[in-house]
Protein backbone atom coordinates (compact mmCIF):
# COMPACT_ATOMS: atom_id res chain seq x y z
CA UNK A 1 94.79 105.79 114.78
CA UNK A 2 97.12 107.99 112.73
CA UNK A 3 97.31 106.15 109.42
CA UNK A 4 98.17 108.57 106.59
CA UNK A 5 95.43 107.73 104.11
CA UNK A 6 95.67 110.95 102.13
CA UNK A 7 99.08 110.25 100.57
CA UNK A 8 98.02 106.83 99.34
CA UNK A 9 94.62 108.10 98.21
CA UNK A 10 96.27 110.80 96.06
CA UNK A 11 98.62 108.29 94.48
CA UNK A 12 95.76 105.89 93.72
CA UNK A 13 93.76 108.74 92.17
CA UNK A 14 96.74 109.55 89.95
CA UNK A 15 97.14 105.88 89.09
CA UNK A 16 93.48 105.84 88.03
CA UNK A 17 93.96 108.94 85.84
CA UNK A 18 97.01 107.33 84.22
CA UNK A 19 95.01 104.25 83.26
CA UNK A 20 96.44 101.88 85.89
CA UNK A 21 99.82 101.88 84.12
CA UNK A 22 101.85 101.59 87.36
CA UNK A 23 103.32 105.01 86.68
CA UNK A 24 101.88 107.17 89.47
CA UNK A 25 105.09 106.98 91.51
CA UNK A 26 108.72 106.56 90.53
CA UNK A 27 109.77 102.95 91.01
CA UNK A 28 106.21 101.66 90.80
CA UNK A 29 103.36 101.33 93.23
CA UNK A 30 104.68 98.12 94.82
CA UNK A 31 107.76 99.92 96.14
CA UNK A 32 105.70 102.80 97.52
CA UNK A 33 103.23 100.39 99.13
CA UNK A 34 105.94 98.45 100.95
CA UNK A 35 107.08 101.67 102.63
CA UNK A 36 103.60 103.07 103.24
CA UNK A 37 102.14 99.82 104.56
CA UNK A 38 105.10 99.20 106.85
CA UNK A 39 104.36 102.50 108.59
CA UNK A 40 100.58 102.22 108.44
CA UNK A 41 100.33 98.76 109.97
CA UNK A 42 101.83 99.96 113.24
CA UNK A 43 99.06 102.54 113.67
CA UNK A 44 96.05 100.27 113.06
CA UNK A 45 94.56 99.23 116.38
CA UNK A 46 91.11 98.06 115.29
CA UNK A 47 91.25 94.24 114.81
CA UNK A 48 88.68 94.22 111.99
CA UNK A 49 90.49 96.99 110.14
CA UNK A 50 93.80 95.22 110.63
CA UNK A 51 92.32 92.01 109.23
CA UNK A 52 91.06 93.87 106.17
CA UNK A 53 94.46 95.54 105.79
CA UNK A 54 96.14 92.13 105.69
CA UNK A 55 93.65 90.78 103.14
CA UNK A 56 94.63 93.58 100.74
CA UNK A 57 98.29 92.41 100.80
CA UNK A 58 99.54 95.98 100.93
CA UNK A 59 102.85 95.04 102.55
CA UNK A 60 103.78 92.62 99.76
CA UNK A 61 101.56 93.64 96.88
CA UNK A 62 102.14 92.41 93.35
CA UNK A 63 100.46 95.32 91.62
CA UNK A 64 102.95 95.29 88.74
CA UNK A 65 101.95 91.73 87.82
CA UNK A 66 98.20 92.41 87.72
CA UNK A 67 96.20 92.97 84.53
CA UNK A 68 94.65 96.39 83.95
CA UNK A 69 91.23 95.11 85.09
CA UNK A 70 92.72 93.50 88.20
CA UNK A 71 94.55 96.74 89.00
CA UNK A 72 91.31 98.70 88.65
CA UNK A 73 89.53 96.34 91.07
CA UNK A 74 92.48 96.33 93.48
CA UNK A 75 92.62 100.14 93.53
CA UNK A 76 88.88 100.30 94.24
CA UNK A 77 89.28 97.85 97.14
CA UNK A 78 92.13 99.86 98.62
CA UNK A 79 90.25 103.16 98.23
CA UNK A 80 87.27 101.57 99.98
CA UNK A 81 89.59 100.45 102.79
CA UNK A 82 91.02 103.96 103.10
CA UNK A 83 87.52 105.41 103.36
CA UNK A 84 86.81 102.96 106.18
CA UNK A 85 90.11 103.69 107.92
CA UNK A 86 89.86 107.47 107.72
CA UNK A 87 87.08 108.10 110.28
CA UNK A 88 89.27 106.44 112.91
CA UNK A 89 91.80 109.25 112.60
CA UNK A 90 89.52 111.67 114.38
CA UNK A 91 89.08 109.39 117.39
């Protein structure tokens, strides 16, 4: 699997440092996620990982509409997913 987790991880770390203000990337995180997820989904071959990917709603996220607490939880869930997805890159 060749999912680029590092770019999204860096953006989510910046989003955390900026207080979940949806200001880590120009145009907002939702726009970035649509592009990133569209590319990433094609490289996920593990059915369980793909299922988890879909549950995160990365392709059609509504990050901008979440409260600060919801954003914090969402970012944690995505970072956890990225940590799970990353070991597959070496296979």
